[in-house]
Amino acid sequence: MVPNADRLILRDLAHRVAEIGQSDTMADRRREWKRHNALVPGRPMMLIFPEGAWCELLPESALNCQDQRARRMEWELRHRIYTFEHFRSDNVIEPDWIVQRAIHDTGWGLDHRHRPSTTTRGSWAFDPVINDPSDMARLHYPEVIVDHAATDRALAEAHDLFGDILEIRLKGIAHVSFHLLNLWTGWRGLEETLVDMARDPGFVHHAMAFLEEGHRRLIQQYAEQGLLSLNNDNTYHSSGGNGWIDALPAPGYDPERVRPCDMWASAESQELAQVSPRMHAEMALPYEKRLLEPFALTGYGCCEDLTDKLQDILTIPHIRRISIAPTADVDTCAQRLGRRAILSWKPDPSMLVGDLNEPRLRAYILHAVAATKNCTMEMILKDTHTCEHRPERFDRWTQIARAMIEAA
């Protein structure tokens, strides 16, 4: 149980979250996102996800609860409040508390192995556990496990703590995203996988087919056990954006048995950023397209430059959101996409470090907004690992971005 002193802190914060979530501002933002996700022309949308820099914006020292579980809940509430009070973005703050069903699986039979960095928050290196095709015999398909008792306990606790303040929502699998190459390179190694694509492509195809089938079985298990949840709401989608849209769920919807055709899903293959469009289309896309095909709306990409791969990406079934990385050619991407899908632009997060050159930042954002004027464009500031302990830089970034959106 949450200690009484911590309970008072959490409930006070929950009242503030409820006030924000029920405001006209949030109602307007939800309407705008539904317009945007339906590809109806309008202003560009903006989301801010500080990610790795949150430890500088909202450090442990800012928390008042004593119990560790209570501190995690406090951080969740405070980060919503901080987002609303500091960022001139389109982030939606919901007056809810989500309880995740306790869903696990048996895994794939092998764990990823890394060589850690010698520096704090440094990069690790791959340490392959699959060294030749025979090692694939050690893999198996995951089986889903549901801990109903743990789910019931978490739900009861949430109702007791917040039930009279926030809407308590039980959710299962709502964020569906396929990362086949990420999973495979974690076992095989990135350099090894890229060499295999040239020297032994059959090995890579065998691996992708195995992972496709394993993910297909996972989705089937989720669907059959009623573990899928609608994501036509504030659920994070693809590498940015959300699922707000009136077109879902699909006709025939049963709230007890959510289907892939009621949902968004996405995929990405960042590990193939440096390979040719032809090799990407051969080695990854067929497997990803088959996994995405049952879903109503789909997204693709993350931090990889897809400029020269867009024609292939646009063949993905029901494609609605495509990530345009900081390294991509925004002008060319805008010409090739038009309004065929959301152009989900990821601005360069490095502008938050060093000297915050405001004239340069204004010109940079204004150029992207102008270049995409005939697109359905969103800008997603993410992948920020530090702001050099200058949290006000996020505030200023959003103020400048909002001004450039209004000026274009």
Protein backbone atom coordinates (compact mmCIF):
# COMPACT_ATOMS: atom_id res chain seq x y z
CA MET A 1 0.00 0.00 0.00
CA VAL A 2 1.12 3.56 -0.69
CA PRO A 3 2.02 5.37 2.57
CA ASN A 4 -0.49 8.01 3.61
CA ALA A 5 1.89 10.94 3.18
CA ASP A 6 2.76 9.82 -0.35
CA ARG A 7 -0.91 9.18 -1.08
CA LEU A 8 -1.74 12.82 -0.35
CA ILE A 9 1.02 14.00 -2.70
CA LEU A 10 -0.14 11.71 -5.51
CA ARG A 11 -3.79 12.63 -5.20
CA ASP A 12 -2.98 16.34 -5.22
CA LEU A 13 -0.99 15.88 -8.44
CA ALA A 14 -3.77 13.75 -9.92
CA HIS A 15 -6.26 16.59 -9.37
CA ARG A 16 -3.98 18.89 -11.38
CA VAL A 17 -3.66 16.31 -14.19
CA ALA A 18 -7.44 15.92 -14.26
CA GLU A 19 -7.89 19.68 -14.49
CA ILE A 20 -5.49 19.89 -17.42
CA GLY A 21 -6.90 16.84 -19.18
CA GLN A 22 -10.48 18.10 -19.00
CA SER A 23 -9.62 21.59 -20.27
CA ASP A 24 -10.79 23.11 -23.54
CA THR A 25 -7.16 23.22 -24.64
CA MET A 26 -6.92 19.44 -24.58
CA ALA A 27 -10.27 19.05 -26.32
CA ASP A 28 -9.00 21.31 -29.11
CA ARG A 29 -5.79 19.31 -29.40
CA ARG A 30 -7.65 16.01 -29.69
CA ARG A 31 -9.82 17.45 -32.48
CA GLU A 32 -6.74 18.74 -34.31
CA TRP A 33 -5.02 15.36 -34.07
CA LYS A 34 -8.07 13.59 -35.47
CA ARG A 35 -8.08 16.03 -38.38
CA HIS A 36 -4.36 15.58 -38.91
CA ASN A 37 -4.34 11.76 -38.72
CA ALA A 38 -7.20 11.66 -41.23
CA LEU A 39 -4.97 13.61 -43.69
CA VAL A 40 -7.30 16.60 -43.68
CA PRO A 41 -5.28 19.75 -44.57
CA GLY A 42 -4.41 22.06 -41.68
CA ARG A 43 -1.49 23.38 -39.68
CA PRO A 44 1.54 21.22 -38.86
CA MET A 45 1.34 19.45 -35.52
CA MET A 46 4.12 19.36 -32.93
CA LEU A 47 5.08 16.89 -30.21
CA ILE A 48 7.93 17.06 -27.70
CA PHE A 49 9.47 13.94 -26.18
CA PRO A 50 12.56 14.85 -24.12
CA GLU A 51 13.32 11.13 -23.61
CA GLY A 52 16.91 10.85 -22.33
CA ALA A 53 16.90 14.48 -21.17
CA TRP A 54 13.97 14.02 -18.77
CA CYS A 55 16.48 13.29 -16.00
CA GLU A 56 17.60 16.92 -16.36
CA LEU A 57 14.12 18.43 -16.65
CA LEU A 58 12.55 16.41 -13.86
CA PRO A 59 15.36 14.91 -11.75
CA GLU A 60 14.90 12.57 -8.80
CA SER A 61 15.48 15.53 -6.50
CA ALA A 62 12.21 17.09 -7.73
CA LEU A 63 10.15 14.20 -6.31
CA ASN A 64 8.63 14.36 -2.84
CA CYS A 65 7.30 10.85 -2.25
CA GLN A 66 9.40 8.49 -0.15
CA ASP A 67 8.19 5.07 -1.26
CA GLN A 68 9.88 3.93 -4.49
CA ARG A 69 6.66 2.80 -6.17
CA ALA A 70 5.00 6.05 -5.19
CA ARG A 71 7.96 7.99 -6.64
CA ARG A 72 7.47 6.28 -10.00
CA MET A 73 3.80 7.28 -9.96
CA GLU A 74 4.71 10.79 -8.88
CA TRP A 75 7.14 11.13 -11.78
CA GLU A 76 4.44 10.01 -14.24
CA LEU A 77 2.03 12.67 -12.97
CA ARG A 78 4.64 15.42 -12.72
CA HIS A 79 5.97 14.82 -16.24
CA ARG A 80 2.45 15.35 -17.65
CA ILE A 81 2.07 18.57 -15.70
CA TYR A 82 5.54 19.76 -16.73
CA THR A 83 4.77 19.08 -20.40
CA PHE A 84 1.63 21.21 -20.23
CA GLU A 85 3.13 24.05 -18.25
CA HIS A 86 6.38 24.36 -20.22
CA PHE A 87 5.93 23.29 -23.85
CA ARG A 88 3.96 25.15 -26.51
CA SER A 89 3.37 21.83 -28.27
CA ASP A 90 0.37 19.71 -29.20
CA ASN A 91 1.02 16.99 -26.61
CA VAL A 92 -2.30 15.76 -25.23
CA ILE A 93 -2.55 15.34 -21.47
CA GLU A 94 -5.23 12.80 -20.61
CA PRO A 95 -7.21 12.83 -17.32
CA ASP A 96 -6.62 9.12 -16.88
CA TRP A 97 -4.47 6.50 -15.19
CA ILE A 98 -3.62 3.51 -17.35
CA VAL A 99 -3.19 0.09 -15.81
CA GLN A 100 -1.28 -2.27 -18.07
CA ARG A 101 -2.38 -5.89 -18.13
CA ALA A 102 0.43 -8.07 -16.79
CA ILE A 103 1.32 -9.68 -20.11
CA HIS A 104 4.59 -11.51 -20.60
CA ASP A 105 5.94 -14.18 -22.93
CA THR A 106 8.45 -16.99 -22.84
CA GLY A 107 10.92 -15.15 -25.06
CA TRP A 108 12.74 -16.36 -28.15
CA GLY A 109 15.20 -18.71 -26.46
CA LEU A 110 18.22 -16.41 -26.56
CA ASP A 111 18.99 -13.11 -24.86
CA HIS A 112 20.88 -10.23 -26.43
CA ARG A 113 24.40 -9.81 -25.16
CA HIS A 114 26.30 -6.50 -25.15
CA ARG A 115 29.74 -5.28 -24.23
CA PRO A 116 29.07 -2.29 -21.96
CA SER A 117 30.62 1.14 -22.36
CA THR A 118 33.38 2.27 -20.06
CA THR A 119 31.70 5.69 -19.68
CA THR A 120 28.44 6.72 -18.04
CA ARG A 121 25.55 6.65 -20.55
CA GLY A 122 28.04 5.59 -23.25
CA SER A 123 27.35 3.27 -26.19
CA TRP A 124 27.51 -0.50 -25.79
CA ALA A 125 28.83 -2.86 -28.47
CA PHE A 126 27.26 -5.99 -29.93
CA ASP A 127 28.41 -9.33 -28.50
CA PRO A 128 26.92 -11.94 -30.89
CA VAL A 129 25.28 -15.10 -29.56
CA ILE A 130 24.42 -16.43 -33.04
CA ASN A 131 27.64 -17.15 -34.91
CA ASP A 132 26.45 -19.42 -37.73
CA PRO A 133 23.11 -20.72 -39.13
CA SER A 134 23.17 -23.79 -36.86
CA ASP A 135 22.75 -21.52 -33.81
CA MET A 136 19.22 -20.68 -34.95
CA ALA A 137 18.18 -24.08 -33.58
CA ARG A 138 18.46 -22.49 -30.14
CA LEU A 139 15.58 -20.10 -30.95
CA HIS A 140 11.89 -20.82 -30.43
CA TYR A 141 8.61 -18.92 -30.89
CA PRO A 142 7.35 -16.99 -27.84
CA GLU A 143 4.26 -18.11 -25.96
CA VAL A 144 2.10 -15.49 -24.24
CA ILE A 145 1.62 -15.58 -20.46
CA VAL A 146 -0.95 -13.45 -18.62
CA ASP A 147 -0.78 -12.84 -14.87
CA HIS A 148 -4.44 -12.14 -14.10
CA ALA A 149 -3.88 -11.86 -10.33
CA ALA A 150 -1.21 -9.17 -10.76
CA THR A 151 -3.48 -7.29 -13.17
CA ASP A 152 -6.37 -7.40 -10.70
CA ARG A 153 -4.15 -6.13 -7.87
CA ALA A 154 -2.85 -3.22 -9.96
CA LEU A 155 -6.37 -2.32 -11.09
CA ALA A 156 -7.74 -2.38 -7.53
CA GLU A 157 -4.87 -0.22 -6.28
CA ALA A 158 -5.41 2.32 -9.08
CA HIS A 159 -9.13 2.58 -8.32
CA ASP A 160 -8.42 3.03 -4.61
CA LEU A 161 -5.77 5.69 -5.20
CA PHE A 162 -7.13 7.65 -8.16
CA GLY A 163 -10.58 6.28 -9.03
CA ASP A 164 -12.49 9.36 -7.86
CA ILE A 165 -10.13 11.74 -9.69
CA LEU A 166 -8.89 10.11 -12.92
CA GLU A 167 -10.45 7.69 -15.35
CA ILE A 168 -8.92 4.27 -14.66
CA ARG A 169 -8.27 2.48 -17.95
CA LEU A 170 -7.17 -1.14 -18.28
CA LYS A 171 -5.06 -1.66 -21.38
CA GLY A 172 -3.45 -4.65 -23.00
CA ILE A 173 -1.26 -4.57 -26.09
CA ALA A 174 -1.94 -1.15 -27.64
CA HIS A 175 1.42 -0.13 -29.09
CA VAL A 176 2.19 -2.57 -31.91
CA SER A 177 5.56 -2.08 -33.60
CA PHE A 178 7.73 -4.61 -35.42
CA HIS A 179 11.54 -4.37 -35.13
CA LEU A 180 12.80 -7.48 -36.90
CA LEU A 181 16.30 -6.22 -37.67
CA ASN A 182 16.73 -4.80 -34.18
CA LEU A 183 15.89 -8.17 -32.70
CA TRP A 184 18.06 -10.11 -35.14
CA THR A 185 21.14 -7.88 -34.92
CA GLY A 186 20.95 -8.13 -31.14
CA TRP A 187 21.68 -11.84 -31.52
CA ARG A 188 23.82 -11.84 -34.65
CA GLY A 189 25.56 -8.44 -34.44
CA LEU A 190 25.09 -5.46 -36.77
CA GLU A 191 28.32 -5.75 -38.74
CA GLU A 192 27.85 -9.50 -39.06
CA THR A 193 24.31 -9.05 -40.37
CA LEU A 194 25.39 -6.51 -42.99
CA VAL A 195 28.14 -8.85 -44.19
CA ASP A 196 25.65 -11.74 -44.30
CA MET A 197 23.38 -9.70 -46.57
CA ALA A 198 26.15 -9.66 -49.17
CA ARG A 199 27.80 -13.03 -48.60
CA ASP A 200 24.97 -15.24 -47.35
CA PRO A 201 21.61 -13.56 -48.04
CA GLY A 202 19.81 -16.87 -47.60
CA PHE A 203 20.82 -16.84 -43.93
CA VAL A 204 19.25 -13.41 -43.45
CA HIS A 205 16.08 -14.42 -45.32
CA HIS A 206 15.80 -17.50 -43.13
CA ALA A 207 16.12 -15.33 -40.03
CA MET A 208 13.54 -12.79 -41.24
CA ALA A 209 11.07 -15.54 -42.12
CA PHE A 210 11.49 -17.03 -38.64
CA LEU A 211 10.90 -13.66 -36.96
CA GLU A 212 7.93 -12.88 -39.18
CA GLU A 213 6.27 -16.14 -38.20
CA GLY A 214 7.06 -15.61 -34.53
CA HIS A 215 5.53 -12.14 -34.52
CA ARG A 216 2.50 -13.36 -36.48
CA ARG A 217 1.94 -15.99 -33.80
CA LEU A 218 2.28 -13.40 -31.03
CA ILE A 219 -0.37 -11.16 -32.60
CA GLN A 220 -2.62 -14.18 -33.09
CA GLN A 221 -2.26 -15.12 -29.42
CA TYR A 222 -3.00 -11.56 -28.30
CA ALA A 223 -6.11 -11.45 -30.48
CA GLU A 224 -7.43 -14.87 -29.46
CA GLN A 225 -6.95 -14.11 -25.75
CA GLY A 226 -8.56 -10.67 -25.97
CA LEU A 227 -5.32 -8.91 -25.08
CA LEU A 228 -5.26 -6.30 -27.85
CA SER A 229 -6.49 -2.80 -26.95
CA LEU A 230 -7.66 0.04 -29.16
CA ASN A 231 -5.02 2.64 -29.97
CA ASN A 232 -7.14 5.30 -31.68
CA ASP A 233 -6.32 7.60 -28.79
CA ASN A 234 -3.24 9.12 -27.17
CA THR A 235 -1.28 5.88 -27.61
CA TYR A 236 2.20 6.58 -28.99
CA HIS A 237 2.40 5.46 -32.61
CA SER A 238 5.39 4.57 -34.79
CA SER A 239 8.39 6.76 -33.87
CA GLY A 240 6.22 9.75 -32.97
CA GLY A 241 2.63 10.84 -33.30
CA ASN A 242 -0.43 9.28 -31.75
CA GLY A 243 -3.48 7.31 -32.81
CA TRP A 244 -6.29 9.88 -32.55
CA ILE A 245 -8.75 9.17 -35.38
CA ASP A 246 -12.51 8.70 -35.77
CA ALA A 247 -12.22 6.02 -38.49
CA LEU A 248 -11.31 3.33 -35.94
CA PRO A 249 -12.39 0.88 -34.71
CA ALA A 250 -13.60 -0.82 -37.89
CA PRO A 251 -17.19 -1.98 -38.49
CA GLY A 252 -18.01 -5.12 -36.51
CA TYR A 253 -15.90 -4.04 -33.55
CA ASP A 254 -16.26 -6.13 -30.39
CA PRO A 255 -14.80 -4.45 -27.29
CA GLU A 256 -14.04 -7.87 -25.82
CA ARG A 257 -12.04 -8.96 -28.86
CA VAL A 258 -10.11 -6.11 -30.46
CA ARG A 259 -8.78 -7.10 -33.89
CA PRO A 260 -5.77 -5.92 -35.88
CA CYS A 261 -8.21 -4.28 -38.31
CA ASP A 262 -9.28 -1.99 -35.44
CA MET A 263 -5.74 -0.77 -34.79
CA TRP A 264 -2.64 1.11 -35.89
CA ALA A 265 0.72 -0.72 -36.18
CA SER A 266 4.21 0.18 -37.38
CA ALA A 267 7.62 -1.20 -38.33
CA GLU A 268 11.17 0.03 -38.89
CA SER A 269 14.60 -1.20 -39.95
CA GLN A 270 17.04 1.44 -38.73
CA GLU A 271 19.84 -1.09 -38.98
CA LEU A 272 19.52 -0.92 -42.78
CA ALA A 273 20.05 2.84 -42.96
CA GLN A 274 23.23 2.44 -45.00
CA VAL A 275 22.08 -0.26 -47.42
CA SER A 276 20.66 0.42 -50.88
CA PRO A 277 16.93 0.81 -51.52
CA ARG A 278 17.04 -2.45 -53.51
CA MET A 279 18.59 -4.42 -50.66
CA HIS A 280 16.22 -2.87 -48.11
CA ALA A 281 13.25 -3.76 -50.31
CA GLU A 282 14.51 -7.33 -50.62
CA MET A 283 15.73 -8.10 -47.10
CA ALA A 284 13.22 -6.40 -44.83
CA LEU A 285 10.13 -4.96 -46.47
CA PRO A 286 8.40 -8.17 -47.63
CA TYR A 287 8.39 -9.56 -44.09
CA GLU A 288 7.31 -6.27 -42.53
CA LYS A 289 4.56 -5.70 -45.11
CA ARG A 290 2.99 -9.07 -44.40
CA LEU A 291 2.99 -8.38 -40.65
CA LEU A 292 1.45 -4.94 -41.14
CA GLU A 293 -1.17 -5.95 -43.72
CA PRO A 294 -3.89 -7.03 -41.21
CA PHE A 295 -3.82 -3.66 -39.41
CA ALA A 296 -6.08 -0.76 -40.34
CA LEU A 297 -3.43 1.99 -40.42
CA THR A 298 0.33 1.66 -40.45
CA GLY A 299 3.51 3.67 -39.96
CA TYR A 300 7.12 3.12 -40.94
CA GLY A 301 10.60 4.28 -40.04
CA CYS A 302 12.45 5.84 -37.16
CA CYS A 303 15.88 7.48 -37.25
CA GLU A 304 16.98 6.14 -40.65
CA ASP A 305 17.04 8.30 -43.79
CA LEU A 306 14.23 7.03 -46.06
CA THR A 307 14.57 9.73 -48.74
CA ASP A 308 15.50 7.28 -51.52
CA LYS A 309 13.29 4.48 -50.20
CA LEU A 310 9.95 6.27 -50.10
CA GLN A 311 8.57 4.70 -53.26
CA ASP A 312 9.01 1.29 -51.65
CA ILE A 313 7.70 2.45 -48.28
CA LEU A 314 4.55 3.78 -49.94
CA THR A 315 3.70 0.22 -51.03
CA ILE A 316 3.20 -0.83 -47.40
CA PRO A 317 -0.48 -1.69 -46.84
CA HIS A 318 -2.52 1.12 -45.26
CA ILE A 319 0.54 3.34 -44.76
CA ARG A 320 -0.41 6.54 -42.93
CA ARG A 321 2.72 7.84 -41.12
CA ILE A 322 6.33 7.86 -42.38
CA SER A 323 9.30 9.01 -40.29
CA ILE A 324 11.54 11.62 -41.91
CA ALA A 325 14.79 11.59 -39.98
CA PRO A 326 17.06 14.59 -39.27
CA THR A 327 19.46 13.31 -41.95
CA ALA A 328 16.74 13.05 -44.62
CA ASP A 329 16.27 15.53 -47.47
CA VAL A 330 13.05 17.24 -46.35
CA ASP A 331 12.48 19.00 -49.68
CA THR A 332 12.72 15.77 -51.68
CA CYS A 333 10.65 13.81 -49.16
CA ALA A 334 7.92 16.45 -49.27
CA GLN A 335 7.77 16.29 -53.08
CA ARG A 336 7.57 12.50 -53.05
CA LEU A 337 5.02 12.18 -50.25
CA GLY A 338 2.59 15.03 -50.76
CA ARG A 339 -0.53 14.09 -48.81
CA ARG A 340 -0.23 10.36 -49.40
CA ALA A 341 0.90 9.87 -45.79
CA ILE A 342 1.85 11.95 -42.76
CA LEU A 343 5.35 13.37 -43.09
CA SER A 344 6.61 12.80 -39.54
CA TRP A 345 9.64 15.10 -39.45
CA LYS A 346 12.24 14.61 -36.73
CA PRO A 347 14.21 17.87 -36.26
CA ASP A 348 17.89 17.63 -35.35
CA PRO A 349 18.02 17.28 -31.52
CA SER A 350 21.67 18.36 -31.39
CA MET A 351 20.51 21.97 -31.63
CA LEU A 352 19.68 21.75 -27.92
CA VAL A 353 23.35 21.46 -27.00
CA GLY A 354 26.26 23.86 -27.46
CA ASP A 355 25.19 27.40 -28.25
CA LEU A 356 21.44 27.70 -28.78
CA ASN A 357 21.66 29.64 -32.04
CA GLU A 358 18.13 31.02 -32.28
CA PRO A 359 18.41 32.63 -35.74
CA ARG A 360 19.74 29.36 -37.14
CA LEU A 361 17.00 27.36 -35.39
CA ARG A 362 14.29 29.70 -36.75
CA ALA A 363 15.61 29.38 -40.30
CA TYR A 364 15.92 25.60 -39.96
CA ILE A 365 12.34 25.06 -38.75
CA LEU A 366 10.83 27.65 -41.10
CA HIS A 367 12.51 25.94 -44.06
CA ALA A 368 10.97 22.56 -43.11
CA VAL A 369 7.52 24.06 -42.55
CA ALA A 370 7.64 25.89 -45.89
CA ALA A 371 8.98 22.86 -47.77
CA THR A 372 6.13 20.70 -46.48
CA LYS A 373 3.27 23.16 -47.01
CA ASN A 374 1.58 20.74 -49.42
CA CYS A 375 1.99 17.80 -47.02
CA THR A 376 0.38 16.60 -43.82
CA MET A 377 3.37 17.43 -41.65
CA GLU A 378 4.17 16.89 -37.99
CA MET A 379 7.40 17.74 -36.19
CA ILE A 380 8.51 15.43 -33.39
CA LEU A 381 11.40 16.59 -31.20
CA LYS A 382 12.86 13.43 -29.70
CA ASP A 383 16.09 11.45 -29.25
CA THR A 384 17.36 14.19 -26.96
CA HIS A 385 19.85 12.67 -24.55
CA THR A 386 20.83 15.93 -22.86
CA CYS A 387 20.10 19.64 -22.84
CA GLU A 388 23.30 20.27 -20.87
CA HIS A 389 21.18 20.85 -17.75
CA ARG A 390 19.48 23.81 -19.41
CA PRO A 391 15.83 22.65 -19.31
CA GLU A 392 14.63 26.09 -20.42
CA ARG A 393 16.01 25.26 -23.87
CA PHE A 394 13.08 22.90 -24.49
CA ASP A 395 10.68 25.71 -23.58
CA ARG A 396 12.42 28.08 -25.95
CA TRP A 397 12.58 25.48 -28.74
CA THR A 398 8.82 25.02 -28.64
CA GLN A 399 8.21 28.77 -28.56
CA ILE A 400 10.34 29.24 -31.68
CA ALA A 401 8.77 26.27 -33.45
CA ARG A 402 5.26 27.54 -32.70
CA ALA A 403 6.17 30.98 -34.04
CA MET A 404 7.55 29.45 -37.26
CA ILE A 405 4.41 27.35 -37.74
CA GLU A 406 2.28 30.46 -37.39
CA ALA A 407 4.55 32.52 -39.64
CA ALA A 408 4.65 30.06 -42.57
